[in-house]
């Protein structure tokens, strides 16, 4: 009999304990949901080479255009509650213009809406912003004229977010002074030297010496094409710096963009002499280690295939 009474008491107090535990757990979950704004943010990871807008002034054509016209950001919604509790994120842009709109404090952080996304279950997503769309938002607010040149040195865009939970509550990062509440994009304005010698080019042998025909395997009227690769900083590589000449070697081509000087370096002292620049074509005479001893010289007519003319200042000189 005593055992039965003791067992009943055990079941009674166990039930009370379990009920209290469940209430405490539920209260904890409810408290987390209520306080989600204190522990929620968006982490920004920009895609490489798309961290900000880049505006080029082309040194070859003197034209202005976008070098990179799209910012792309991988985003992760970090929170103490799961992503399924959120419905969407709205994005707002503000802009600072040196010596102009919104450049001195206090800044206007209200911004203008640029777009929104629905929050996926993973809480991970990518968001992109087109430069023309960003500038269009503030085209009538800039103090400096954007009629001829759209982007200017000192332009800074700031991306803010407003997170909306499924219960309708929101977290507005524009109301926070923390650096992590926004993503900054300082527009880069750069002089751009295009890779003039990169691409596929056609050539035709128009002058060939007796030794060149004998030893080099070329003749007047022979044609071909060559690919030139830009290695960076106006340094290029060629599989044969004498086009298809039998004794030519692989090497590099160097180009001084502002001055126009061009020269090649192979393993047999290859040298170019550039002349007769005419739109997309030029004549290039070569000589190399065996030229004097074996009467090996020749000239090719070197022609661009991209529809662009050669810069008029290109030249070569003995090195």
C-alpha atoms as a PDB file:
ATOM      1  CA  UNK A   1       0.000   0.000   0.000  1.00  0.00           C
ATOM      2  CA  UNK A   2       2.781   2.408   0.886  1.00  0.00           C
ATOM      3  CA  UNK A   3       4.499   1.655  -2.391  1.00  0.00           C
ATOM      4  CA  UNK A   4       1.353   2.594  -4.348  1.00  0.00           C
ATOM      5  CA  UNK A   5       1.023   5.911  -2.467  1.00  0.00           C
ATOM      6  CA  UNK A   6       4.691   6.745  -3.025  1.00  0.00           C
ATOM      7  CA  UNK A   7       4.373   5.929  -6.742  1.00  0.00           C
ATOM      8  CA  UNK A   8       1.286   8.187  -7.124  1.00  0.00           C
ATOM      9  CA  UNK A   9       3.111  11.063  -5.450  1.00  0.00           C
ATOM     10  CA  UNK A  10       6.062  10.508  -7.804  1.00  0.00           C
ATOM     11  CA  UNK A  11       3.837  10.715 -10.901  1.00  0.00           C
ATOM     12  CA  UNK A  12       2.098  13.850  -9.566  1.00  0.00           C
ATOM     13  CA  UNK A  13       5.295  15.811  -8.897  1.00  0.00           C
ATOM     14  CA  UNK A  14       6.871  14.612 -12.156  1.00  0.00           C
ATOM     15  CA  UNK A  15       3.908  15.995 -14.105  1.00  0.00           C
ATOM     16  CA  UNK A  16       4.190  19.359 -12.318  1.00  0.00           C
ATOM     17  CA  UNK A  17       7.924  19.465 -13.082  1.00  0.00           C
ATOM     18  CA  UNK A  18       7.344  18.719 -16.751  1.00  0.00           C
ATOM     19  CA  UNK A  19       4.629  21.363 -17.055  1.00  0.00           C
ATOM     20  CA  UNK A  20       6.866  23.974 -15.471  1.00  0.00           C
ATOM     21  CA  UNK A  21       9.744  22.990 -17.766  1.00  0.00           C
ATOM     22  CA  UNK A  22       7.548  23.313 -20.862  1.00  0.00           C
ATOM     23  CA  UNK A  23       6.284  26.720 -19.738  1.00  0.00           C
ATOM     24  CA  UNK A  24       9.841  27.949 -19.192  1.00  0.00           C
ATOM     25  CA  UNK A  25      10.899  26.633 -22.611  1.00  0.00           C
ATOM     26  CA  UNK A  26       7.924  28.240 -24.341  1.00  0.00           C
ATOM     27  CA  UNK A  27       8.589  31.523 -22.561  1.00  0.00           C
ATOM     28  CA  UNK A  28      12.205  31.375 -23.735  1.00  0.00           C
ATOM     29  CA  UNK A  29      11.169  30.813 -27.367  1.00  0.00           C
ATOM     30  CA  UNK A  30       8.608  33.615 -27.179  1.00  0.00           C
ATOM     31  CA  UNK A  31      11.196  35.945 -25.660  1.00  0.00           C
ATOM     32  CA  UNK A  32      13.673  35.121 -28.467  1.00  0.00           C
ATOM     33  CA  UNK A  33      11.069  35.913 -31.118  1.00  0.00           C
ATOM     34  CA  UNK A  34      10.083  39.155 -29.406  1.00  0.00           C
ATOM     35  CA  UNK A  35      13.724  40.278 -29.105  1.00  0.00           C
ATOM     36  CA  UNK A  36      14.891  39.102 -32.555  1.00  0.00           C
ATOM     37  CA  UNK A  37      15.826  42.633 -33.625  1.00  0.00           C
ATOM     38  CA  UNK A  38      18.590  42.855 -31.031  1.00  0.00           C
ATOM     39  CA  UNK A  39      20.427  39.862 -32.489  1.00  0.00           C
ATOM     40  CA  UNK A  40      19.655  40.121 -36.197  1.00  0.00           C
ATOM     41  CA  UNK A  41      21.736  41.615 -38.988  1.00  0.00           C
ATOM     42  CA  UNK A  42      22.791  41.067 -42.584  1.00  0.00           C
ATOM     43  CA  UNK A  43      26.390  40.100 -43.315  1.00  0.00           C
ATOM     44  CA  UNK A  44      27.770  41.482 -46.599  1.00  0.00           C
ATOM     45  CA  UNK A  45      30.364  39.684 -48.743  1.00  0.00           C
ATOM     46  CA  UNK A  46      30.938  41.433 -52.084  1.00  0.00           C
ATOM     47  CA  UNK A  47      31.798  39.366 -55.144  1.00  0.00           C
ATOM     48  CA  UNK A  48      35.423  39.838 -56.209  1.00  0.00           C
ATOM     49  CA  UNK A  49      35.897  42.644 -58.755  1.00  0.00           C
ATOM     50  CA  UNK A  50      32.297  43.761 -58.187  1.00  0.00           C
ATOM     51  CA  UNK A  51      32.723  45.563 -54.867  1.00  0.00           C
ATOM     52  CA  UNK A  52      31.943  48.988 -56.285  1.00  0.00           C
ATOM     53  CA  UNK A  53      31.174  50.884 -59.477  1.00  0.00           C
ATOM     54  CA  UNK A  54      34.161  51.802 -61.673  1.00  0.00           C
ATOM     55  CA  UNK A  55      34.038  54.664 -64.180  1.00  0.00           C
ATOM     56  CA  UNK A  56      36.680  54.771 -66.916  1.00  0.00           C
ATOM     57  CA  UNK A  57      38.135  57.634 -68.896  1.00  0.00           C
ATOM     58  CA  UNK A  58      39.605  55.852 -71.914  1.00  0.00           C
ATOM     59  CA  UNK A  59      43.065  57.262 -72.674  1.00  0.00           C
ATOM     60  CA  UNK A  60      42.917  55.899 -76.217  1.00  0.00           C
ATOM     61  CA  UNK A  61      39.517  57.212 -77.306  1.00  0.00           C
ATOM     62  CA  UNK A  62      38.945  59.943 -74.655  1.00  0.00           C
ATOM     63  CA  UNK A  63      35.511  58.442 -74.061  1.00  0.00           C
ATOM     64  CA  UNK A  64      33.954  57.933 -70.620  1.00  0.00           C
ATOM     65  CA  UNK A  65      32.105  54.726 -69.748  1.00  0.00           C
ATOM     66  CA  UNK A  66      31.556  52.124 -67.067  1.00  0.00           C
ATOM     67  CA  UNK A  67      34.438  49.775 -66.334  1.00  0.00           C
ATOM     68  CA  UNK A  68      32.217  47.937 -63.843  1.00  0.00           C
ATOM     69  CA  UNK A  69      28.545  48.851 -63.878  1.00  0.00           C
ATOM     70  CA  UNK A  70      27.221  46.318 -61.370  1.00  0.00           C
ATOM     71  CA  UNK A  71      27.840  45.703 -57.675  1.00  0.00           C
ATOM     72  CA  UNK A  72      27.114  42.134 -56.603  1.00  0.00           C
ATOM     73  CA  UNK A  73      26.903  41.180 -52.916  1.00  0.00           C
ATOM     74  CA  UNK A  74      26.450  37.797 -51.276  1.00  0.00           C
ATOM     75  CA  UNK A  75      24.257  38.300 -48.225  1.00  0.00           C
ATOM     76  CA  UNK A  76      23.580  36.196 -45.151  1.00  0.00           C
ATOM     77  CA  UNK A  77      20.787  36.932 -42.677  1.00  0.00           C
ATOM     78  CA  UNK A  78      22.221  36.315 -39.195  1.00  0.00           C
ATOM     79  CA  UNK A  79      19.712  35.978 -36.351  1.00  0.00           C
ATOM     80  CA  UNK A  80      18.867  34.167 -33.117  1.00  0.00           C
ATOM     81  CA  UNK A  81      15.717  32.870 -34.829  1.00  0.00           C
ATOM     82  CA  UNK A  82      15.483  30.860 -38.033  1.00  0.00           C
ATOM     83  CA  UNK A  83      15.169  32.532 -41.435  1.00  0.00           C
ATOM     84  CA  UNK A  84      11.695  31.080 -41.911  1.00  0.00           C
ATOM     85  CA  UNK A  85      10.438  33.746 -39.465  1.00  0.00           C
ATOM     86  CA  UNK A  86      11.223  36.522 -41.981  1.00  0.00           C
ATOM     87  CA  UNK A  87       9.379  37.494 -45.140  1.00  0.00           C
ATOM     88  CA  UNK A  88      11.439  40.089 -47.025  1.00  0.00           C
ATOM     89  CA  UNK A  89      14.284  42.585 -47.037  1.00  0.00           C
ATOM     90  CA  UNK A  90      13.901  46.036 -48.589  1.00  0.00           C
ATOM     91  CA  UNK A  91      17.028  47.910 -49.658  1.00  0.00           C
ATOM     92  CA  UNK A  92      17.597  51.660 -49.591  1.00  0.00           C
ATOM     93  CA  UNK A  93      20.407  53.727 -51.103  1.00  0.00           C
ATOM     94  CA  UNK A  94      21.808  56.991 -49.860  1.00  0.00           C
ATOM     95  CA  UNK A  95      24.480  58.949 -51.697  1.00  0.00           C
ATOM     96  CA  UNK A  96      27.235  61.357 -50.761  1.00  0.00           C
ATOM     97  CA  UNK A  97      28.614  63.707 -53.387  1.00  0.00           C
ATOM     98  CA  UNK A  98      31.873  65.531 -52.730  1.00  0.00           C
ATOM     99  CA  UNK A  99      31.187  69.254 -52.426  1.00  0.00           C
ATOM    100  CA  UNK A 100      27.549  68.532 -53.097  1.00  0.00           C
ATOM    101  CA  UNK A 101      24.480  66.585 -52.022  1.00  0.00           C
ATOM    102  CA  UNK A 102      24.567  64.956 -48.587  1.00  0.00           C
ATOM    103  CA  UNK A 103      28.336  65.420 -48.220  1.00  0.00           C
ATOM    104  CA  UNK A 104      28.450  67.126 -44.828  1.00  0.00           C
ATOM    105  CA  UNK A 105      26.841  65.940 -41.572  1.00  0.00           C
ATOM    106  CA  UNK A 106      24.137  65.414 -40.554  1.00  0.00           C
ATOM    107  CA  UNK A 107      23.556  62.981 -43.382  1.00  0.00           C
ATOM    108  CA  UNK A 108      20.123  62.043 -44.644  1.00  0.00           C
ATOM    109  CA  UNK A 109      19.909  58.291 -44.015  1.00  0.00           C
ATOM    110  CA  UNK A 110      16.310  57.842 -45.171  1.00  0.00           C
ATOM    111  CA  UNK A 111      17.541  57.090 -48.652  1.00  0.00           C
ATOM    112  CA  UNK A 112      15.495  55.882 -51.587  1.00  0.00           C
ATOM    113  CA  UNK A 113      14.311  52.348 -52.162  1.00  0.00           C
ATOM    114  CA  UNK A 114      16.355  50.460 -54.772  1.00  0.00           C
ATOM    115  CA  UNK A 115      14.723  47.002 -54.504  1.00  0.00           C
ATOM    116  CA  UNK A 116      13.728  44.092 -52.280  1.00  0.00           C
ATOM    117  CA  UNK A 117      14.077  40.320 -51.984  1.00  0.00           C
ATOM    118  CA  UNK A 118      12.042  37.569 -50.364  1.00  0.00           C
ATOM    119  CA  UNK A 119      14.024  35.816 -47.644  1.00  0.00           C
ATOM    120  CA  UNK A 120      14.786  32.189 -48.615  1.00  0.00           C
ATOM    121  CA  UNK A 121      14.679  29.434 -45.989  1.00  0.00           C
ATOM    122  CA  UNK A 122      18.486  29.319 -45.989  1.00  0.00           C
ATOM    123  CA  UNK A 123      18.790  33.019 -45.222  1.00  0.00           C
ATOM    124  CA  UNK A 124      21.473  33.200 -47.952  1.00  0.00           C
ATOM    125  CA  UNK A 125      21.004  35.217 -51.136  1.00  0.00           C
ATOM    126  CA  UNK A 126      22.792  37.461 -53.640  1.00  0.00           C
ATOM    127  CA  UNK A 127      21.783  41.030 -54.378  1.00  0.00           C
ATOM    128  CA  UNK A 128      22.913  43.102 -57.370  1.00  0.00           C
ATOM    129  CA  UNK A 129      22.759  46.840 -58.053  1.00  0.00           C
ATOM    130  CA  UNK A 130      23.193  48.388 -61.501  1.00  0.00           C
ATOM    131  CA  UNK A 131      25.139  51.649 -61.604  1.00  0.00           C
ATOM    132  CA  UNK A 132      22.664  53.352 -63.915  1.00  0.00           C
ATOM    133  CA  UNK A 133      19.812  52.449 -61.546  1.00  0.00           C
ATOM    134  CA  UNK A 134      21.692  53.821 -58.537  1.00  0.00           C
ATOM    135  CA  UNK A 135      22.503  57.117 -60.251  1.00  0.00           C
ATOM    136  CA  UNK A 136      18.986  57.435 -61.657  1.00  0.00           C
ATOM    137  CA  UNK A 137      17.595  57.587 -58.098  1.00  0.00           C
ATOM    138  CA  UNK A 138      19.487  60.800 -57.367  1.00  0.00           C
ATOM    139  CA  UNK A 139      19.963  62.347 -60.802  1.00  0.00           C
ATOM    140  CA  UNK A 140      17.868  65.374 -59.843  1.00  0.00           C
ATOM    141  CA  UNK A 141      19.560  65.796 -56.449  1.00  0.00           C
ATOM    142  CA  UNK A 142      23.232  66.060 -57.405  1.00  0.00           C
ATOM    143  CA  UNK A 143      24.784  69.521 -57.065  1.00  0.00           C
ATOM    144  CA  UNK A 144      27.429  68.817 -59.720  1.00  0.00           C
ATOM    145  CA  UNK A 145      26.202  68.414 -63.292  1.00  0.00           C
ATOM    146  CA  UNK A 146      25.920  64.849 -64.604  1.00  0.00           C
ATOM    147  CA  UNK A 147      25.027  65.825 -68.162  1.00  0.00           C
ATOM    148  CA  UNK A 148      28.374  64.994 -69.776  1.00  0.00           C
ATOM    149  CA  UNK A 149      30.008  62.748 -67.171  1.00  0.00           C
ATOM    150  CA  UNK A 150      27.799  60.570 -64.981  1.00  0.00           C
ATOM    151  CA  UNK A 151      30.197  59.464 -62.228  1.00  0.00           C
ATOM    152  CA  UNK A 152      32.523  61.826 -60.382  1.00  0.00           C
ATOM    153  CA  UNK A 153      35.347  61.466 -57.883  1.00  0.00           C
ATOM    154  CA  UNK A 154      33.923  61.480 -54.356  1.00  0.00           C
ATOM    155  CA  UNK A 155      30.603  59.742 -55.098  1.00  0.00           C
ATOM    156  CA  UNK A 156      29.736  57.294 -52.318  1.00  0.00           C
ATOM    157  CA  UNK A 157      26.635  55.097 -52.187  1.00  0.00           C
ATOM    158  CA  UNK A 158      25.516  53.465 -48.932  1.00  0.00           C
ATOM    159  CA  UNK A 159      23.186  50.459 -48.982  1.00  0.00           C
ATOM    160  CA  UNK A 160      20.843  50.050 -45.986  1.00  0.00           C
ATOM    161  CA  UNK A 161      18.277  47.331 -45.296  1.00  0.00           C
ATOM    162  CA  UNK A 162      14.861  46.965 -43.658  1.00  0.00           C
ATOM    163  CA  UNK A 163      14.067  43.394 -42.572  1.00  0.00           C
ATOM    164  CA  UNK A 164      10.395  42.486 -42.213  1.00  0.00           C
ATOM    165  CA  UNK A 165       9.320  39.527 -40.070  1.00  0.00           C
ATOM    166  CA  UNK A 166       6.248  37.489 -40.913  1.00  0.00           C
ATOM    167  CA  UNK A 167       4.418  39.037 -37.958  1.00  0.00           C
ATOM    168  CA  UNK A 168       4.879  42.472 -39.532  1.00  0.00           C
ATOM    169  CA  UNK A 169       7.603  43.785 -37.209  1.00  0.00           C
ATOM    170  CA  UNK A 170      10.652  45.370 -38.868  1.00  0.00           C
ATOM    171  CA  UNK A 171      14.330  46.039 -38.274  1.00  0.00           C
ATOM    172  CA  UNK A 172      15.492  49.244 -39.980  1.00  0.00           C
ATOM    173  CA  UNK A 173      19.294  49.509 -40.276  1.00  0.00           C
ATOM    174  CA  UNK A 174      18.974  53.194 -41.192  1.00  0.00           C
ATOM    175  CA  UNK A 175      18.225  53.868 -37.541  1.00  0.00           C
ATOM    176  CA  UNK A 176      21.541  52.411 -36.376  1.00  0.00           C
ATOM    177  CA  UNK A 177      24.918  54.148 -36.253  1.00  0.00           C
ATOM    178  CA  UNK A 178      26.933  50.918 -36.349  1.00  0.00           C
ATOM    179  CA  UNK A 179      29.273  50.589 -39.330  1.00  0.00           C
ATOM    180  CA  UNK A 180      28.010  47.061 -40.023  1.00  0.00           C
ATOM    181  CA  UNK A 181      24.465  48.299 -40.606  1.00  0.00           C
ATOM    182  CA  UNK A 182      25.278  49.330 -44.185  1.00  0.00           C
ATOM    183  CA  UNK A 183      27.447  48.479 -47.183  1.00  0.00           C
ATOM    184  CA  UNK A 184      29.552  51.310 -48.614  1.00  0.00           C
ATOM    185  CA  UNK A 185      30.415  51.728 -52.295  1.00  0.00           C
ATOM    186  CA  UNK A 186      32.945  54.466 -53.076  1.00  0.00           C
ATOM    187  CA  UNK A 187      32.810  54.937 -56.822  1.00  0.00           C
ATOM    188  CA  UNK A 188      36.219  54.618 -58.481  1.00  0.00           C
ATOM    189  CA  UNK A 189      36.993  57.059 -61.281  1.00  0.00           C
ATOM    190  CA  UNK A 190      40.069  55.937 -63.212  1.00  0.00           C
ATOM    191  CA  UNK A 191      42.057  56.681 -66.319  1.00  0.00           C
ATOM    192  CA  UNK A 192      41.954  53.492 -68.342  1.00  0.00           C
ATOM    193  CA  UNK A 193      44.644  52.340 -70.733  1.00  0.00           C
ATOM    194  CA  UNK A 194      43.041  49.595 -72.860  1.00  0.00           C
ATOM    195  CA  UNK A 195      45.166  46.593 -73.902  1.00  0.00           C
ATOM    196  CA  UNK A 196      45.962  47.891 -77.384  1.00  0.00           C
ATOM    197  CA  UNK A 197      47.955  44.844 -78.480  1.00  0.00           C
ATOM    198  CA  UNK A 198      45.657  42.144 -77.129  1.00  0.00           C
ATOM    199  CA  UNK A 199      43.637  39.972 -79.466  1.00  0.00           C
ATOM    200  CA  UNK A 200      43.884  38.238 -82.837  1.00  0.00           C
ATOM    201  CA  UNK A 201      45.744  39.969 -85.666  1.00  0.00           C
ATOM    202  CA  UNK A 202      46.223  39.169 -89.354  1.00  0.00           C
ATOM    203  CA  UNK A 203      49.558  39.476 -91.112  1.00  0.00           C
ATOM    204  CA  UNK A 204      50.874  39.265 -94.667  1.00  0.00           C
ATOM    205  CA  UNK A 205      54.505  39.124 -95.700  1.00  0.00           C
ATOM    206  CA  UNK A 206      55.058  42.020 -98.128  1.00  0.00           C
ATOM    207  CA  UNK A 207      58.889  42.072 -98.226  1.00  0.00           C
ATOM    208  CA  UNK A 208      61.111  38.985 -97.864  1.00  0.00           C
ATOM    209  CA  UNK A 209      64.886  38.779 -98.373  1.00  0.00           C
ATOM    210  CA  UNK A 210      66.547  35.801-100.061  1.00  0.00           C
ATOM    211  CA  UNK A 211      67.876  34.429 -96.804  1.00  0.00           C
ATOM    212  CA  UNK A 212      64.518  34.861 -95.071  1.00  0.00           C
ATOM    213  CA  UNK A 213      62.781  32.859 -97.771  1.00  0.00           C
ATOM    214  CA  UNK A 214      65.455  30.163 -97.631  1.00  0.00           C
ATOM    215  CA  UNK A 215      65.794  29.824 -93.867  1.00  0.00           C
ATOM    216  CA  UNK A 216      62.641  31.320 -92.435  1.00  0.00           C
ATOM    217  CA  UNK A 217      60.049  29.501 -94.501  1.00  0.00           C
ATOM    218  CA  UNK A 218      58.232  32.710 -95.530  1.00  0.00           C
ATOM    219  CA  UNK A 219      57.566  34.375 -98.891  1.00  0.00           C
ATOM    220  CA  UNK A 220      55.868  37.465-100.281  1.00  0.00           C
ATOM    221  CA  UNK A 221      52.102  37.060-100.133  1.00  0.00           C
ATOM    222  CA  UNK A 222      52.103  34.489 -97.357  1.00  0.00           C
ATOM    223  CA  UNK A 223      49.369  35.232 -94.788  1.00  0.00           C
ATOM    224  CA  UNK A 224      48.454  34.110 -91.314  1.00  0.00           C
ATOM    225  CA  UNK A 225      47.129  35.217 -87.950  1.00  0.00           C
ATOM    226  CA  UNK A 226      48.579  35.504 -84.467  1.00  0.00           C
ATOM    227  CA  UNK A 227      47.137  35.769 -80.959  1.00  0.00           C
ATOM    228  CA  UNK A 228      48.632  38.207 -78.482  1.00  0.00           C
ATOM    229  CA  UNK A 229      47.827  37.922 -74.768  1.00  0.00           C
ATOM    230  CA  UNK A 230      47.844  40.813 -72.318  1.00  0.00           C
ATOM    231  CA  UNK A 231      49.770  39.921 -69.166  1.00  0.00           C
ATOM    232  CA  UNK A 232      48.954  43.216 -67.451  1.00  0.00           C
ATOM    233  CA  UNK A 233      50.482  46.709 -67.309  1.00  0.00           C
ATOM    234  CA  UNK A 234      50.854  46.846 -71.100  1.00  0.00           C
ATOM    235  CA  UNK A 235      53.075  43.761 -71.219  1.00  0.00           C
ATOM    236  CA  UNK A 236      52.016  41.086 -73.715  1.00  0.00           C
ATOM    237  CA  UNK A 237      53.072  37.585 -74.686  1.00  0.00           C
ATOM    238  CA  UNK A 238      53.466  36.042 -78.145  1.00  0.00           C
ATOM    239  CA  UNK A 239      54.196  32.434 -79.062  1.00  0.00           C
ATOM    240  CA  UNK A 240      56.460  33.758 -81.845  1.00  0.00           C
ATOM    241  CA  UNK A 241      57.536  37.411 -81.859  1.00  0.00           C
ATOM    242  CA  UNK A 242      58.321  37.027 -85.599  1.00  0.00           C
ATOM    243  CA  UNK A 243      54.811  35.758 -86.407  1.00  0.00           C
ATOM    244  CA  UNK A 244      55.377  32.468 -88.258  1.00  0.00           C
ATOM    245  CA  UNK A 245      59.087  32.879 -89.051  1.00  0.00           C
ATOM    246  CA  UNK A 246      60.803  29.524 -88.559  1.00  0.00           C
ATOM    247  CA  UNK A 247      63.599  30.846 -86.309  1.00  0.00           C
ATOM    248  CA  UNK A 248      61.459  33.266 -84.316  1.00  0.00           C
ATOM    249  CA  UNK A 249      60.987  32.531 -80.613  1.00  0.00           C
ATOM    250  CA  UNK A 250      58.348  33.038 -77.962  1.00  0.00           C
ATOM    251  CA  UNK A 251      58.678  36.313 -76.138  1.00  0.00           C
ATOM    252  CA  UNK A 252      57.090  39.470 -74.827  1.00  0.00           C
ATOM    253  CA  UNK A 253      55.891  42.707 -76.333  1.00  0.00           C
ATOM    254  CA  UNK A 254      56.168  45.930 -74.307  1.00  0.00           C
ATOM    255  CA  UNK A 255      54.101  49.033 -74.949  1.00  0.00           C
ATOM    256  CA  UNK A 256      54.357  52.480 -73.348  1.00  0.00           C
ATOM    257  CA  UNK A 257      50.741  53.613 -73.616  1.00  0.00           C
ATOM    258  CA  UNK A 258      51.299  57.353 -73.213  1.00  0.00           C
ATOM    259  CA  UNK A 259      54.548  57.571 -75.154  1.00  0.00           C
ATOM    260  CA  UNK A 260      53.729  54.948 -77.803  1.00  0.00           C
ATOM    261  CA  UNK A 261      57.068  53.129 -77.792  1.00  0.00           C
ATOM    262  CA  UNK A 262      56.776  49.431 -78.665  1.00  0.00           C
ATOM    263  CA  UNK A 263      59.424  46.734 -78.594  1.00  0.00           C
ATOM    264  CA  UNK A 264      59.702  42.948 -78.379  1.00  0.00           C
ATOM    265  CA  UNK A 265      62.007  40.635 -76.476  1.00  0.00           C
ATOM    266  CA  UNK A 266      62.685  37.056 -77.565  1.00  0.00           C
ATOM    267  CA  UNK A 267      65.679  34.782 -77.083  1.00  0.00           C
ATOM    268  CA  UNK A 268      67.300  35.669 -80.431  1.00  0.00           C
ATOM    269  CA  UNK A 269      67.476  39.461 -80.157  1.00  0.00           C
ATOM    270  CA  UNK A 270      64.346  39.957 -82.244  1.00  0.00           C
ATOM    271  CA  UNK A 271      63.597  43.568 -83.139  1.00  0.00           C
ATOM    272  CA  UNK A 272      60.705  45.418 -84.811  1.00  0.00           C
ATOM    273  CA  UNK A 273      60.724  48.613 -86.822  1.00  0.00           C
ATOM    274  CA  UNK A 274      57.199  50.005 -87.157  1.00  0.00           C
ATOM    275  CA  UNK A 275      56.189  52.212 -90.105  1.00  0.00           C
ATOM    276  CA  UNK A 276      53.275  53.175 -92.383  1.00  0.00           C
ATOM    277  CA  UNK A 277      50.531  53.258 -89.758  1.00  0.00           C
ATOM    278  CA  UNK A 278      47.275  53.476 -91.685  1.00  0.00           C
ATOM    279  CA  UNK A 279      44.084  53.006 -89.688  1.00  0.00           C
ATOM    280  CA  UNK A 280      43.938  49.353 -88.570  1.00  0.00           C
ATOM    281  CA  UNK A 281      47.164  48.315 -90.370  1.00  0.00           C
ATOM    282  CA  UNK A 282      50.871  48.967 -89.969  1.00  0.00           C
ATOM    283  CA  UNK A 283      54.077  47.643 -91.521  1.00  0.00           C
ATOM    284  CA  UNK A 284      56.643  45.954 -89.278  1.00  0.00           C
ATOM    285  CA  UNK A 285      60.157  45.132 -90.468  1.00  0.00           C
ATOM    286  CA  UNK A 286      62.148  42.617 -88.438  1.00  0.00           C
ATOM    287  CA  UNK A 287      65.733  41.690 -87.870  1.00  0.00           C
ATOM    288  CA  UNK A 288      67.316  39.311 -85.366  1.00  0.00           C
ATOM    289  CA  UNK A 289      70.513  37.469 -84.423  1.00  0.00           C
ATOM    290  CA  UNK A 290      71.111  35.894 -87.869  1.00  0.00           C
ATOM    291  CA  UNK A 291      69.925  38.765 -90.044  1.00  0.00           C
ATOM    292  CA  UNK A 292      73.338  40.153 -91.019  1.00  0.00           C
ATOM    293  CA  UNK A 293      75.137  36.846 -91.469  1.00  0.00           C
ATOM    294  CA  UNK A 294      72.420  35.121 -93.498  1.00  0.00           C
ATOM    295  CA  UNK A 295      70.566  38.013 -95.166  1.00  0.00           C
ATOM    296  CA  UNK A 296      67.430  37.376 -93.149  1.00  0.00           C
ATOM    297  CA  UNK A 297      65.037  40.330 -93.071  1.00  0.00           C
ATOM    298  CA  UNK A 298      61.407  40.857 -93.944  1.00  0.00           C
ATOM    299  CA  UNK A 299      58.335  43.020 -93.459  1.00  0.00           C
ATOM    300  CA  UNK A 300      54.778  42.073 -92.572  1.00  0.00           C
ATOM    301  CA  UNK A 301      51.628  44.129 -92.919  1.00  0.00           C
ATOM    302  CA  UNK A 302      50.058  43.728 -89.500  1.00  0.00           C
ATOM    303  CA  UNK A 303      46.295  44.331 -89.334  1.00  0.00           C
ATOM    304  CA  UNK A 304      43.821  44.577 -86.464  1.00  0.00           C
ATOM    305  CA  UNK A 305      40.683  42.439 -86.654  1.00  0.00           C
ATOM    306  CA  UNK A 306      38.612  44.300 -84.030  1.00  0.00           C
ATOM    307  CA  UNK A 307      37.653  47.268 -86.207  1.00  0.00           C
ATOM    308  CA  UNK A 308      39.781  49.722 -84.189  1.00  0.00           C
ATOM    309  CA  UNK A 309      42.575  51.881 -85.605  1.00  0.00           C
ATOM    310  CA  UNK A 310      46.097  51.760 -84.245  1.00  0.00           C
ATOM    311  CA  UNK A 311      47.078  54.706 -82.022  1.00  0.00           C
ATOM    312  CA  UNK A 312      48.925  57.194 -84.210  1.00  0.00           C
ATOM    313  CA  UNK A 313      51.819  57.578 -81.742  1.00  0.00           C
ATOM    314  CA  UNK A 314      53.063  53.972 -81.935  1.00  0.00           C
ATOM    315  CA  UNK A 315      56.715  53.707 -82.830  1.00  0.00           C
ATOM    316  CA  UNK A 316      59.806  51.566 -82.248  1.00  0.00           C
ATOM    317  CA  UNK A 317      63.519  52.327 -81.912  1.00  0.00           C
ATOM    318  CA  UNK A 318      66.724  50.297 -81.528  1.00  0.00           C
ATOM    319  CA  UNK A 319      67.293  49.013 -78.000  1.00  0.00           C
END
